Every structure is written in C-alpha cells, then in structure tokens.
Protein backbone atom coordinates (compact mmCIF):
# COMPACT_ATOMS: atom_id res chain seq x y z
CA MET A 1 -1.60 14.65 -19.50
CA ALA A 2 -4.90 12.88 -20.25
CA LYS A 3 -3.13 10.80 -22.91
CA LEU A 4 -0.46 9.79 -20.40
CA VAL A 5 -3.04 8.75 -17.81
CA ARG A 6 -4.96 6.69 -20.41
CA GLU A 7 -1.69 5.05 -21.46
CA ILE A 8 -0.86 4.17 -17.84
CA VAL A 9 -4.34 2.80 -17.21
CA LEU A 10 -4.14 0.59 -20.30
CA LYS A 11 -0.57 -0.54 -19.71
CA TYR A 12 -0.98 -1.34 -16.03
CA LYS A 13 -4.65 -2.34 -16.12
CA VAL A 14 -5.53 0.10 -13.37
CA ARG A 15 -9.16 1.02 -13.48
CA LYS A 16 -11.72 2.71 -11.37
CA PRO A 17 -14.67 0.61 -10.24
CA THR A 18 -17.84 0.98 -12.26
CA LYS A 19 -20.89 2.73 -10.81
CA ALA A 20 -22.52 -0.69 -10.34
CA GLU A 21 -19.49 -1.93 -8.40
CA GLU A 22 -19.53 1.18 -6.22
CA LYS A 23 -23.25 0.71 -5.56
CA ASN A 24 -22.73 -2.92 -4.55
CA GLY A 25 -20.15 -2.06 -1.92
CA TYR A 26 -17.04 -2.65 -4.03
CA LEU A 27 -15.15 0.11 -2.26
CA GLU A 28 -13.77 -0.71 1.14
CA LYS A 29 -13.28 2.21 3.47
CA VAL A 30 -10.19 2.29 5.66
CA SER A 31 -11.06 4.12 8.88
CA ASN A 32 -8.20 3.24 11.22
CA PRO A 33 -4.77 1.61 11.32
CA GLU A 34 -6.22 -1.79 12.29
CA GLU A 35 -8.29 -1.89 9.10
CA ALA A 36 -5.21 -0.90 7.12
CA VAL A 37 -3.23 -3.71 8.76
CA ASN A 38 -5.98 -6.20 7.90
CA ALA A 39 -5.79 -5.17 4.25
CA PHE A 40 -2.21 -6.51 4.18
CA ARG A 41 -2.81 -9.58 6.36
CA ASP A 42 -2.76 -11.86 3.30
CA LEU A 43 0.90 -10.99 2.67
CA ALA A 44 2.00 -12.47 6.02
CA ASP A 45 1.91 -16.03 4.69
CA GLU A 46 4.08 -15.42 1.63
CA GLY A 47 7.50 -17.10 1.54
CA VAL A 48 9.19 -14.12 -0.12
CA GLU A 49 8.74 -10.40 0.44
CA ASN A 50 5.73 -8.92 -1.35
CA PHE A 51 4.97 -5.19 -1.56
CA ALA A 52 1.42 -3.92 -2.11
CA CYS A 53 -0.41 -0.59 -2.07
CA LEU A 54 -3.89 0.58 -1.21
CA TYR A 55 -4.92 3.61 -3.25
CA LEU A 56 -7.58 5.72 -1.53
CA ASN A 57 -9.94 8.51 -2.51
CA SER A 58 -10.65 11.57 -0.37
CA LYS A 59 -13.09 9.55 1.78
CA ASN A 60 -10.47 6.85 2.46
CA GLN A 61 -12.34 4.39 0.25
CA VAL A 62 -10.11 1.86 -1.48
CA LEU A 63 -9.94 2.53 -5.20
CA VAL A 64 -7.40 -0.19 -5.95
CA LYS A 65 -5.29 -2.69 -4.03
CA GLN A 66 -2.26 -3.49 -6.12
CA LEU A 67 0.60 -5.95 -5.64
CA LEU A 68 3.55 -3.97 -6.99
CA SER A 69 6.63 -6.03 -6.35
CA ILE A 70 7.69 -9.55 -5.43
CA GLY A 71 11.15 -9.88 -3.96
CA THR A 72 13.31 -12.50 -2.30
CA VAL A 73 13.37 -14.00 1.19
CA ASN A 74 14.96 -10.87 2.64
CA GLN A 75 14.22 -7.92 0.36
CA VAL A 76 11.76 -6.35 -2.02
CA ASN A 77 12.53 -3.33 -4.17
CA PRO A 78 9.41 -1.47 -5.27
CA ALA A 79 10.01 1.57 -7.43
CA ILE A 80 8.65 4.76 -5.90
CA ARG A 81 7.81 6.05 -9.37
CA GLU A 82 5.60 2.98 -9.98
CA ILE A 83 3.75 3.51 -6.72
CA PHE A 84 2.81 7.03 -7.77
CA ARG A 85 2.20 6.08 -11.40
CA TYR A 86 -0.67 3.88 -10.19
CA ALA A 87 -1.81 6.59 -7.76
CA LEU A 88 -2.06 9.14 -10.56
CA ALA A 89 -3.75 6.67 -12.90
CA CYS A 90 -6.59 5.98 -10.46
CA ASP A 91 -6.83 9.56 -9.10
CA ALA A 92 -5.81 8.50 -5.60
CA VAL A 93 -5.58 11.19 -2.94
CA SER A 94 -3.57 9.01 -0.58
CA VAL A 95 -1.82 5.66 -0.38
CA ILE A 96 -1.11 3.08 2.28
CA VAL A 97 1.74 0.71 1.50
CA GLY A 98 2.61 -2.59 3.07
CA HIS A 99 4.94 -5.52 2.76
CA ASN A 100 5.76 -8.73 4.55
CA HIS A 101 8.82 -10.10 6.29
CA PRO A 102 8.83 -13.88 5.77
CA ASN A 103 11.29 -14.38 8.65
CA SER A 104 8.61 -13.95 11.37
CA ASP A 105 9.97 -10.56 12.45
CA SER A 106 7.81 -7.58 11.52
CA THR A 107 10.36 -5.10 12.88
CA PRO A 108 11.04 -2.49 10.17
CA SER A 109 14.58 -2.54 8.83
CA ILE A 110 16.75 0.54 8.35
CA GLN A 111 16.02 0.22 4.62
CA ASP A 112 12.26 0.08 5.32
CA LYS A 113 12.47 3.32 7.29
CA GLU A 114 14.58 5.07 4.65
CA PHE A 115 12.24 3.91 1.89
CA THR A 116 9.26 5.27 3.84
CA ARG A 117 10.93 8.67 4.29
CA ASN A 118 11.67 8.86 0.55
CA LEU A 119 8.14 7.74 -0.30
CA VAL A 120 6.59 10.42 1.93
CA LYS A 121 8.79 13.10 0.32
CA ALA A 122 7.82 11.99 -3.18
CA GLY A 123 4.16 11.97 -2.19
CA GLU A 124 4.41 15.49 -0.82
CA ALA A 125 5.82 16.67 -4.15
CA LEU A 126 2.80 15.16 -5.94
CA ASN A 127 0.25 16.18 -3.28
CA ILE A 128 -0.51 12.51 -2.58
CA LYS A 129 -0.42 11.61 1.11
CA VAL A 130 1.41 8.49 2.23
CA LEU A 131 -0.67 7.53 5.23
CA ASP A 132 1.16 4.43 6.40
CA HIS A 133 3.75 1.79 5.67
CA ILE A 134 2.80 -1.47 7.34
CA VAL A 135 5.11 -4.46 7.79
CA VAL A 136 3.42 -7.81 8.46
CA SER A 137 4.69 -11.28 9.33
CA ARG A 138 3.59 -14.56 10.84
CA ASP A 139 5.45 -16.37 13.60
CA LEU A 140 6.70 -19.62 12.08
CA GLN A 141 6.31 -21.52 15.38
CA THR A 142 2.94 -20.30 16.66
CA GLY A 143 1.31 -18.98 13.48
CA GLU A 144 0.62 -15.70 15.30
CA PHE A 145 0.08 -12.70 13.00
CA LYS A 146 2.38 -9.76 13.78
CA TYR A 147 2.75 -6.27 12.38
CA ASN A 148 4.48 -2.91 12.76
CA ILE A 149 3.48 0.50 11.47
CA LEU A 150 6.33 2.69 10.31
CA SER A 151 4.63 6.05 10.20
CA ASN A 152 3.68 6.37 13.87
CA GLU A 153 -0.02 6.48 13.04
CA ARG A 154 0.47 9.89 11.40
CA TRP A 155 -2.49 9.28 9.15
CA PHE A 156 -5.05 9.95 11.87
CA HIS A 157 -4.36 13.61 11.11
CA PHE A 158 -5.90 13.11 7.67
CA LEU A 159 -9.20 11.43 8.61
C-alpha cells in the first residue's frame, strides 16, 4: 500500500505541505458552505466546464486544491476513481468538489445530481466524506456570480 501511495504522489504530483508552509498559514480552513463556494469562485469565469476538488484533513483544513478535469461548453467528465486516488494520496478525510456551468445557469443538471450520489457512495466505501458538490457560474449579462450546492448543506453534520 505504501508503494502505491508513493507511486500516486509521484505520478500526480500530489504532496502535503511542508511544516514551514503549514506554519506560514498555507492551509486554508473551510468552516462553512460560503467559504467552500468561494474556493471555487475562480471557475465561474471559465469558458468550458472545469471540475476541481478540495481535499481536507480532519480539521477541515485544505490539504490540496486540484483541478481534475477540463470539459466542453456543456459537460465535464471527472473520473470518480481519480478523485479518490488524490484523496488517498494526500490522506484526505473529506472532499468538497465543484465545477462551473459556463452558460450562466448554476442549476445542477440531472447528471450532476447522479454523479454526486455516486461520488458519495464511493466515498462511503472508502471512509472519505464527500461534504459538498458546488456548481458555480457567472451571469453573462450582469457579471453576477451565482452558485448552487447539491448536497443540501449536509456537511454541517461533520464540523
């Protein structure tokens, strides 16, 4: 198992922050859904769908923020196995995932909801909590930032 984790870390360049980085405030703590949403705000301006993950320790400190998949104007297809490969490599206890809808509508699609259900099930099997799936967008006319949270704020139960 240790060999596999080392291999994943080397292949995917996932690393834990150094002690010096931790001391200098490298780790960002996510305390509520608004902070989680803000972590994905940068995706709202992308012209194609992007899917990213926040990997958290037991204190909800961000170990790694990783862009996992870049899609097209109307879909992105992250692999659930890749999401948890990174989680295992950085010893994450939980994950928050997010992606953008470039069409100005942050309403989760049927596929988004199904993906979230499958992701939560896979996380349960690995004892890694999926705290949220956030969909962000920006209104093309007004520039207003918009978002939706798929998991009904279920992650408050884990704080």
